[in-house]
Amino acid sequence: MSELPRRIAVLLPDTAVRTAVLHLDQVPTRREECDALIRWRLGQEQIFPLTNAKVVSQVFSGHGEGPEHRYTVLAVAIQESILRQYESLCESAGLTPSEVGITSLRLVDLWKRISRGTSWVGQDLLWITLSDRSLTIMIFQRGRIAFYRCKLLGLDASEIAASVDSLNRVLDECRASLDICQQQYPSIDIHDAVICADGEIDSLQSELQEQLQLVAQQFSWKSVEKLGWGAKGSQQGMASLVAIAGVS
């Protein structure tokens, strides 16, 4: 058994993929049919090219009746040339990729699992990931994704928090994202934010409170350490947090 390949989940950096938020009235129960429908919709809307791309997705169920009952889908297109690099690396280590996803979305799933006291379905939320020297913003309305944006910044979280210009850039991106989302979903009402990042980000939390009137909490390796995860002397930080998200 030790010689058999072991299955592994591959989480790609947000900047390595293309993403889109889709709305569907119905979602087939069979995975193959669902994947085909999502790929067809992406092709119809011509959001980005799908040639030589693998499409993965996460479906968020609606609540209520009418438009509120529609399904929201975060569709992710991954170029086969990029995916093959990760698959080759895994195979060289005796690992078989069995699942592919993106970092930020899996981190959200991990946060949802460990934040049992949070009323996830009834909450509108701004999510910020500062990882891989990039910024990802997601907005959720009552548990469903409503908005997604990812930009390469070239700075890590601690560098952003220490620079007024970089801090303002992140705040401007958050403000613009909230404005766009508010236009698309007038009923959205966001008062809380989660920042997934390493290091001290007090300045970002303070500015979100002061400029955008959002109460922000940080989700980091320390959040899972409080649950007793991680061995003494083990590597800490975003890489470890992503690894936990990949297997949880």
C-alpha atoms as a PDB file:
ATOM      1  CA  MET A   1       0.000   0.000   0.000  1.00  0.00           C
ATOM      2  CA  SER A   2       2.873   2.369   0.707  1.00  0.00           C
ATOM      3  CA  GLU A   3       3.910   2.146  -2.961  1.00  0.00           C
ATOM      4  CA  LEU A   4       0.491   3.203  -4.260  1.00  0.00           C
ATOM      5  CA  PRO A   5      -0.018   6.852  -5.246  1.00  0.00           C
ATOM      6  CA  ARG A   6      -1.778   8.901  -2.588  1.00  0.00           C
ATOM      7  CA  ARG A   7      -4.627  11.222  -3.457  1.00  0.00           C
ATOM      8  CA  ILE A   8      -4.140  14.939  -2.973  1.00  0.00           C
ATOM      9  CA  ALA A   9      -6.160  18.133  -3.401  1.00  0.00           C
ATOM     10  CA  VAL A  10      -4.451  20.809  -5.491  1.00  0.00           C
ATOM     11  CA  LEU A  11      -5.234  24.406  -4.534  1.00  0.00           C
ATOM     12  CA  LEU A  12      -4.058  26.906  -7.120  1.00  0.00           C
ATOM     13  CA  PRO A  13      -3.203  30.544  -6.366  1.00  0.00           C
ATOM     14  CA  ASP A  14      -6.099  32.852  -7.172  1.00  0.00           C
ATOM     15  CA  THR A  15      -3.987  34.687  -9.748  1.00  0.00           C
ATOM     16  CA  ALA A  16      -3.348  31.460 -11.703  1.00  0.00           C
ATOM     17  CA  VAL A  17      -6.985  31.074 -12.796  1.00  0.00           C
ATOM     18  CA  ARG A  18      -9.882  33.006 -14.342  1.00  0.00           C
ATOM     19  CA  THR A  19     -13.148  33.265 -12.454  1.00  0.00           C
ATOM     20  CA  ALA A  20     -16.741  34.321 -13.050  1.00  0.00           C
ATOM     21  CA  VAL A  21     -19.937  34.496 -11.010  1.00  0.00           C
ATOM     22  CA  LEU A  22     -22.916  32.940 -12.808  1.00  0.00           C
ATOM     23  CA  HIS A  23     -26.614  32.784 -11.934  1.00  0.00           C
ATOM     24  CA  LEU A  24     -28.689  29.722 -12.810  1.00  0.00           C
ATOM     25  CA  ASP A  25     -32.385  29.011 -12.316  1.00  0.00           C
ATOM     26  CA  GLN A  26     -31.765  25.256 -12.207  1.00  0.00           C
ATOM     27  CA  VAL A  27     -28.731  23.077 -11.562  1.00  0.00           C
ATOM     28  CA  PRO A  28     -28.645  19.425 -12.711  1.00  0.00           C
ATOM     29  CA  THR A  29     -28.080  16.909  -9.941  1.00  0.00           C
ATOM     30  CA  ARG A  30     -25.623  14.859 -12.005  1.00  0.00           C
ATOM     31  CA  ARG A  31     -22.132  16.309 -11.793  1.00  0.00           C
ATOM     32  CA  GLU A  32     -21.363  15.727 -15.479  1.00  0.00           C
ATOM     33  CA  GLU A  33     -24.502  17.573 -16.580  1.00  0.00           C
ATOM     34  CA  CYS A  34     -23.845  20.402 -14.143  1.00  0.00           C
ATOM     35  CA  ASP A  35     -20.264  20.831 -15.403  1.00  0.00           C
ATOM     36  CA  ALA A  36     -21.478  20.827 -19.014  1.00  0.00           C
ATOM     37  CA  LEU A  37     -24.118  23.477 -18.264  1.00  0.00           C
ATOM     38  CA  ILE A  38     -21.624  25.758 -16.503  1.00  0.00           C
ATOM     39  CA  ARG A  39     -19.099  25.417 -19.297  1.00  0.00           C
ATOM     40  CA  TRP A  40     -21.831  26.175 -21.856  1.00  0.00           C
ATOM     41  CA  ARG A  41     -22.901  29.298 -19.955  1.00  0.00           C
ATOM     42  CA  LEU A  42     -19.317  30.530 -19.780  1.00  0.00           C
ATOM     43  CA  GLY A  43     -19.020  30.000 -23.521  1.00  0.00           C
ATOM     44  CA  GLN A  44     -22.298  31.811 -24.189  1.00  0.00           C
ATOM     45  CA  GLU A  45     -21.324  34.849 -22.136  1.00  0.00           C
ATOM     46  CA  GLN A  46     -17.772  34.854 -23.562  1.00  0.00           C
ATOM     47  CA  ILE A  47     -16.307  36.047 -20.285  1.00  0.00           C
ATOM     48  CA  PHE A  48     -12.940  34.506 -21.085  1.00  0.00           C
ATOM     49  CA  PRO A  49     -11.605  31.902 -23.562  1.00  0.00           C
ATOM     50  CA  LEU A  50     -12.169  28.247 -22.661  1.00  0.00           C
ATOM     51  CA  THR A  51      -9.904  26.645 -25.250  1.00  0.00           C
ATOM     52  CA  ASN A  52      -7.555  24.170 -23.531  1.00  0.00           C
ATOM     53  CA  ALA A  53      -9.038  25.062 -20.150  1.00  0.00           C
ATOM     54  CA  LYS A  54     -10.423  22.901 -17.367  1.00  0.00           C
ATOM     55  CA  VAL A  55     -13.509  24.321 -15.645  1.00  0.00           C
ATOM     56  CA  VAL A  56     -14.262  23.657 -11.984  1.00  0.00           C
ATOM     57  CA  SER A  57     -16.994  25.282  -9.936  1.00  0.00           C
ATOM     58  CA  GLN A  58     -18.780  25.641  -6.631  1.00  0.00           C
ATOM     59  CA  VAL A  59     -22.552  25.973  -6.525  1.00  0.00           C
ATOM     60  CA  PHE A  60     -24.286  28.059  -3.858  1.00  0.00           C
ATOM     61  CA  SER A  61     -27.943  27.234  -3.267  1.00  0.00           C
ATOM     62  CA  GLY A  62     -30.539  29.988  -3.106  1.00  0.00           C
ATOM     63  CA  HIS A  63     -33.062  30.603  -0.355  1.00  0.00           C
ATOM     64  CA  GLY A  64     -36.622  31.802  -0.547  1.00  0.00           C
ATOM     65  CA  GLU A  65     -38.738  32.137  -3.670  1.00  0.00           C
ATOM     66  CA  GLY A  66     -38.426  33.773  -7.074  1.00  0.00           C
ATOM     67  CA  PRO A  67     -35.032  35.359  -7.859  1.00  0.00           C
ATOM     68  CA  GLU A  68     -33.862  34.603  -4.313  1.00  0.00           C
ATOM     69  CA  HIS A  69     -34.137  30.890  -5.058  1.00  0.00           C
ATOM     70  CA  ARG A  70     -31.731  31.028  -8.005  1.00  0.00           C
ATOM     71  CA  TYR A  71     -28.389  29.269  -7.793  1.00  0.00           C
ATOM     72  CA  THR A  72     -25.145  31.204  -7.811  1.00  0.00           C
ATOM     73  CA  VAL A  73     -22.020  29.577  -9.212  1.00  0.00           C
ATOM     74  CA  LEU A  74     -18.380  30.553  -8.912  1.00  0.00           C
ATOM     75  CA  ALA A  75     -16.890  29.124 -12.097  1.00  0.00           C
ATOM     76  CA  VAL A  76     -13.119  28.751 -12.401  1.00  0.00           C
ATOM     77  CA  ALA A  77     -11.228  28.195 -15.652  1.00  0.00           C
ATOM     78  CA  ILE A  78      -7.719  26.742 -15.405  1.00  0.00           C
ATOM     79  CA  GLN A  79      -5.456  26.523 -18.410  1.00  0.00           C
ATOM     80  CA  GLU A  80      -4.327  22.943 -18.983  1.00  0.00           C
ATOM     81  CA  SER A  81      -0.719  24.127 -19.427  1.00  0.00           C
ATOM     82  CA  ILE A  82      -0.776  25.545 -15.881  1.00  0.00           C
ATOM     83  CA  LEU A  83      -2.565  22.566 -14.377  1.00  0.00           C
ATOM     84  CA  ARG A  84      -0.123  20.100 -15.947  1.00  0.00           C
ATOM     85  CA  GLN A  85       2.767  21.737 -14.094  1.00  0.00           C
ATOM     86  CA  TYR A  86       1.082  21.103 -10.744  1.00  0.00           C
ATOM     87  CA  GLU A  87       0.020  17.589 -11.737  1.00  0.00           C
ATOM     88  CA  SER A  88       3.576  16.696 -12.837  1.00  0.00           C
ATOM     89  CA  LEU A  89       5.009  17.944  -9.548  1.00  0.00           C
ATOM     90  CA  CYS A  90       2.479  15.899  -7.563  1.00  0.00           C
ATOM     91  CA  GLU A  91       3.091  12.758  -9.605  1.00  0.00           C
ATOM     92  CA  SER A  92       6.856  13.070  -9.156  1.00  0.00           C
ATOM     93  CA  ALA A  93       6.242  12.894  -5.396  1.00  0.00           C
ATOM     94  CA  GLY A  94       3.976   9.853  -5.688  1.00  0.00           C
ATOM     95  CA  LEU A  95       0.767  11.879  -5.311  1.00  0.00           C
ATOM     96  CA  THR A  96      -2.332  11.718  -7.497  1.00  0.00           C
ATOM     97  CA  PRO A  97      -4.323  14.962  -7.855  1.00  0.00           C
ATOM     98  CA  SER A  98      -7.970  14.060  -7.289  1.00  0.00           C
ATOM     99  CA  GLU A  99      -9.438  17.510  -6.729  1.00  0.00           C
ATOM    100  CA  VAL A 100      -8.612  21.000  -7.995  1.00  0.00           C
ATOM    101  CA  GLY A 101      -9.688  24.269  -6.413  1.00  0.00           C
ATOM    102  CA  ILE A 102      -8.567  27.812  -5.699  1.00  0.00           C
ATOM    103  CA  THR A 103      -7.014  29.053  -2.504  1.00  0.00           C
ATOM    104  CA  SER A 104      -9.434  31.765  -1.383  1.00  0.00           C
ATOM    105  CA  LEU A 105     -12.617  29.768  -1.829  1.00  0.00           C
ATOM    106  CA  ARG A 106     -11.253  26.810   0.128  1.00  0.00           C
ATOM    107  CA  LEU A 107     -10.089  29.173   2.879  1.00  0.00           C
ATOM    108  CA  VAL A 108     -13.643  30.522   3.100  1.00  0.00           C
ATOM    109  CA  ASP A 109     -14.916  26.958   3.466  1.00  0.00           C
ATOM    110  CA  LEU A 110     -12.425  26.345   6.283  1.00  0.00           C
ATOM    111  CA  TRP A 111     -13.445  29.565   8.038  1.00  0.00           C
ATOM    112  CA  LYS A 112     -17.105  28.565   7.808  1.00  0.00           C
ATOM    113  CA  ARG A 113     -16.348  25.216   9.429  1.00  0.00           C
ATOM    114  CA  ILE A 114     -14.474  26.600  12.417  1.00  0.00           C
ATOM    115  CA  SER A 115     -16.709  29.675  12.924  1.00  0.00           C
ATOM    116  CA  ARG A 116     -19.649  27.716  14.250  1.00  0.00           C
ATOM    117  CA  GLY A 117     -21.051  30.718  16.090  1.00  0.00           C
ATOM    118  CA  THR A 118     -21.417  32.706  12.881  1.00  0.00           C
ATOM    119  CA  SER A 119     -24.837  32.720  11.233  1.00  0.00           C
ATOM    120  CA  TRP A 120     -23.333  32.195   7.790  1.00  0.00           C
ATOM    121  CA  VAL A 121     -26.552  31.865   5.799  1.00  0.00           C
ATOM    122  CA  GLY A 122     -28.104  35.017   7.243  1.00  0.00           C
ATOM    123  CA  GLN A 123     -25.001  37.200   6.941  1.00  0.00           C
ATOM    124  CA  ASP A 124     -23.772  39.555   4.214  1.00  0.00           C
ATOM    125  CA  LEU A 125     -19.993  39.604   4.300  1.00  0.00           C
ATOM    126  CA  LEU A 126     -16.909  41.116   2.698  1.00  0.00           C
ATOM    127  CA  TRP A 127     -14.006  38.647   2.447  1.00  0.00           C
ATOM    128  CA  ILE A 128     -10.431  39.781   1.794  1.00  0.00           C
ATOM    129  CA  THR A 129      -7.528  37.419   1.118  1.00  0.00           C
ATOM    130  CA  LEU A 130      -3.961  38.753   1.130  1.00  0.00           C
ATOM    131  CA  SER A 131      -1.871  35.825  -0.065  1.00  0.00           C
ATOM    132  CA  ASP A 132       0.667  35.029  -2.800  1.00  0.00           C
ATOM    133  CA  ARG A 133       1.339  38.791  -2.986  1.00  0.00           C
ATOM    134  CA  SER A 134      -2.145  39.346  -4.357  1.00  0.00           C
ATOM    135  CA  LEU A 135      -5.542  40.649  -3.237  1.00  0.00           C
ATOM    136  CA  THR A 136      -8.767  38.681  -3.584  1.00  0.00           C
ATOM    137  CA  ILE A 137     -12.113  40.240  -2.689  1.00  0.00           C
ATOM    138  CA  MET A 138     -15.279  38.201  -2.380  1.00  0.00           C
ATOM    139  CA  ILE A 139     -18.688  39.428  -1.310  1.00  0.00           C
ATOM    140  CA  PHE A 140     -21.293  37.030   0.036  1.00  0.00           C
ATOM    141  CA  GLN A 141     -24.998  37.713   0.371  1.00  0.00           C
ATOM    142  CA  ARG A 142     -26.714  35.397   2.846  1.00  0.00           C
ATOM    143  CA  GLY A 143     -24.217  32.651   2.190  1.00  0.00           C
ATOM    144  CA  ARG A 144     -24.095  32.965  -1.597  1.00  0.00           C
ATOM    145  CA  ILE A 145     -21.219  34.504  -3.484  1.00  0.00           C
ATOM    146  CA  ALA A 146     -22.236  37.733  -5.199  1.00  0.00           C
ATOM    147  CA  PHE A 147     -18.910  39.206  -6.300  1.00  0.00           C
ATOM    148  CA  TYR A 148     -15.333  38.089  -6.976  1.00  0.00           C
ATOM    149  CA  ARG A 149     -12.233  40.089  -7.873  1.00  0.00           C
ATOM    150  CA  CYS A 150      -8.531  39.199  -7.791  1.00  0.00           C
ATOM    151  CA  LYS A 151      -5.554  41.466  -8.429  1.00  0.00           C
ATOM    152  CA  LEU A 152      -1.797  40.992  -8.209  1.00  0.00           C
ATOM    153  CA  LEU A 153      -0.290  43.546  -5.816  1.00  0.00           C
ATOM    154  CA  GLY A 154       3.312  42.370  -5.574  1.00  0.00           C
ATOM    155  CA  LEU A 155       3.242  42.867  -1.785  1.00  0.00           C
ATOM    156  CA  ASP A 156       2.495  40.629   1.159  1.00  0.00           C
ATOM    157  CA  ALA A 157       0.080  41.515   3.959  1.00  0.00           C
ATOM    158  CA  SER A 158       2.678  43.009   6.323  1.00  0.00           C
ATOM    159  CA  GLU A 159       4.095  45.232   3.559  1.00  0.00           C
ATOM    160  CA  ILE A 160       0.603  46.447   2.692  1.00  0.00           C
ATOM    161  CA  ALA A 161      -0.208  47.236   6.324  1.00  0.00           C
ATOM    162  CA  ALA A 162       3.031  49.226   6.659  1.00  0.00           C
ATOM    163  CA  SER A 163       2.506  51.355   3.541  1.00  0.00           C
ATOM    164  CA  VAL A 164      -0.100  54.102   3.419  1.00  0.00           C
ATOM    165  CA  ASP A 165      -0.274  54.003  -0.383  1.00  0.00           C
ATOM    166  CA  SER A 166      -0.699  50.230  -0.496  1.00  0.00           C
ATOM    167  CA  LEU A 167      -3.252  50.350   2.298  1.00  0.00           C
ATOM    168  CA  ASN A 168      -5.264  52.965   0.427  1.00  0.00           C
ATOM    169  CA  ARG A 169      -5.081  50.867  -2.728  1.00  0.00           C
ATOM    170  CA  VAL A 170      -6.623  47.900  -0.921  1.00  0.00           C
ATOM    171  CA  LEU A 171      -9.295  50.134   0.595  1.00  0.00           C
ATOM    172  CA  ASP A 172     -10.083  51.636  -2.825  1.00  0.00           C
ATOM    173  CA  GLU A 173     -10.487  48.120  -4.260  1.00  0.00           C
ATOM    174  CA  CYS A 174     -12.812  47.176  -1.407  1.00  0.00           C
ATOM    175  CA  ARG A 175     -14.841  50.348  -1.818  1.00  0.00           C
ATOM    176  CA  ALA A 176     -15.189  49.871  -5.583  1.00  0.00           C
ATOM    177  CA  SER A 177     -16.180  46.223  -5.122  1.00  0.00           C
ATOM    178  CA  LEU A 178     -18.844  47.144  -2.582  1.00  0.00           C
ATOM    179  CA  ASP A 179     -20.211  49.863  -4.873  1.00  0.00           C
ATOM    180  CA  ILE A 180     -20.453  47.494  -7.844  1.00  0.00           C
ATOM    181  CA  CYS A 181     -22.075  44.819  -5.726  1.00  0.00           C
ATOM    182  CA  GLN A 182     -24.550  47.307  -4.250  1.00  0.00           C
ATOM    183  CA  GLN A 183     -25.649  48.289  -7.753  1.00  0.00           C
ATOM    184  CA  GLN A 184     -26.225  44.660  -8.708  1.00  0.00           C
ATOM    185  CA  TYR A 185     -27.805  43.655  -5.390  1.00  0.00           C
ATOM    186  CA  PRO A 186     -29.541  46.703  -3.834  1.00  0.00           C
ATOM    187  CA  SER A 187     -30.684  44.679  -0.818  1.00  0.00           C
ATOM    188  CA  ILE A 188     -27.183  43.704   0.225  1.00  0.00           C
ATOM    189  CA  ASP A 189     -26.247  45.087   3.641  1.00  0.00           C
ATOM    190  CA  ILE A 190     -22.658  44.503   4.746  1.00  0.00           C
ATOM    191  CA  HIS A 191     -21.371  45.395   8.187  1.00  0.00           C
ATOM    192  CA  ASP A 192     -18.696  42.711   8.676  1.00  0.00           C
ATOM    193  CA  ALA A 193     -15.465  41.757   6.976  1.00  0.00           C
ATOM    194  CA  VAL A 194     -13.000  38.892   7.293  1.00  0.00           C
ATOM    195  CA  ILE A 195      -9.348  39.439   6.403  1.00  0.00           C
ATOM    196  CA  CYS A 196      -7.425  36.252   5.692  1.00  0.00           C
ATOM    197  CA  ALA A 197      -3.780  37.230   6.052  1.00  0.00           C
ATOM    198  CA  ASP A 198      -0.548  36.660   7.946  1.00  0.00           C
ATOM    199  CA  GLY A 199       1.041  39.080  10.378  1.00  0.00           C
ATOM    200  CA  GLU A 200      -0.167  42.256  12.003  1.00  0.00           C
ATOM    201  CA  ILE A 201      -2.958  43.938  10.049  1.00  0.00           C
ATOM    202  CA  ASP A 202      -4.325  46.282  12.722  1.00  0.00           C
ATOM    203  CA  SER A 203      -3.996  49.274  10.409  1.00  0.00           C
ATOM    204  CA  LEU A 204      -6.136  47.624   7.725  1.00  0.00           C
ATOM    205  CA  GLN A 205      -8.752  46.628  10.272  1.00  0.00           C
ATOM    206  CA  SER A 206      -8.842  50.174  11.634  1.00  0.00           C
ATOM    207  CA  GLU A 207      -9.199  51.751   8.195  1.00  0.00           C
ATOM    208  CA  LEU A 208     -12.005  49.361   7.227  1.00  0.00           C
ATOM    209  CA  GLN A 209     -13.799  50.442  10.401  1.00  0.00           C
ATOM    210  CA  GLU A 210     -13.133  54.147   9.898  1.00  0.00           C
ATOM    211  CA  GLN A 211     -13.566  54.532   6.137  1.00  0.00           C
ATOM    212  CA  LEU A 212     -16.050  51.762   5.261  1.00  0.00           C
ATOM    213  CA  GLN A 213     -17.782  51.287   8.633  1.00  0.00           C
ATOM    214  CA  LEU A 214     -17.005  47.578   8.627  1.00  0.00           C
ATOM    215  CA  VAL A 215     -16.093  45.502  11.671  1.00  0.00           C
ATOM    216  CA  ALA A 216     -13.201  43.299  10.532  1.00  0.00           C
ATOM    217  CA  GLN A 217     -11.820  40.129  12.042  1.00  0.00           C
ATOM    218  CA  GLN A 218      -8.633  38.360  11.018  1.00  0.00           C
ATOM    219  CA  PHE A 219      -8.506  34.735   9.912  1.00  0.00           C
ATOM    220  CA  SER A 220      -4.987  33.328  10.088  1.00  0.00           C
ATOM    221  CA  TRP A 221      -2.937  30.385  11.320  1.00  0.00           C
ATOM    222  CA  LYS A 222      -3.576  31.528  14.885  1.00  0.00           C
ATOM    223  CA  SER A 223      -7.289  30.927  14.289  1.00  0.00           C
ATOM    224  CA  VAL A 224      -6.747  27.204  13.764  1.00  0.00           C
ATOM    225  CA  GLU A 225      -4.024  26.939  16.424  1.00  0.00           C
ATOM    226  CA  LYS A 226      -6.682  27.825  18.986  1.00  0.00           C
ATOM    227  CA  LEU A 227      -8.406  24.568  18.007  1.00  0.00           C
ATOM    228  CA  GLY A 228      -5.268  22.593  18.839  1.00  0.00           C
ATOM    229  CA  TRP A 229      -4.248  21.998  15.219  1.00  0.00           C
ATOM    230  CA  GLY A 230      -0.596  21.914  14.261  1.00  0.00           C
ATOM    231  CA  ALA A 231       2.333  20.232  15.968  1.00  0.00           C
ATOM    232  CA  LYS A 232       4.922  21.994  18.076  1.00  0.00           C
ATOM    233  CA  GLY A 233       7.638  23.456  15.888  1.00  0.00           C
ATOM    234  CA  SER A 234       5.584  23.032  12.711  1.00  0.00           C
ATOM    235  CA  GLN A 235       5.684  25.701  10.025  1.00  0.00           C
ATOM    236  CA  GLN A 236       3.138  28.428  10.557  1.00  0.00           C
ATOM    237  CA  GLY A 237       1.598  30.955   8.213  1.00  0.00           C
ATOM    238  CA  MET A 238      -0.587  31.096   5.123  1.00  0.00           C
ATOM    239  CA  ALA A 239       1.017  28.045   3.488  1.00  0.00           C
ATOM    240  CA  SER A 240       0.094  25.900   6.491  1.00  0.00           C
ATOM    241  CA  LEU A 241      -3.385  27.418   6.647  1.00  0.00           C
ATOM    242  CA  VAL A 242      -3.965  26.618   2.969  1.00  0.00           C
ATOM    243  CA  ALA A 243      -2.751  23.054   3.558  1.00  0.00           C
ATOM    244  CA  ILE A 244      -5.276  22.646   6.373  1.00  0.00           C
ATOM    245  CA  ALA A 245      -7.992  24.058   4.094  1.00  0.00           C
ATOM    246  CA  GLY A 246      -7.040  21.579   1.398  1.00  0.00           C
ATOM    247  CA  VAL A 247      -7.554  18.528   3.569  1.00  0.00           C
ATOM    248  CA  SER A 248     -10.489  19.682   5.692  1.00  0.00           C
END
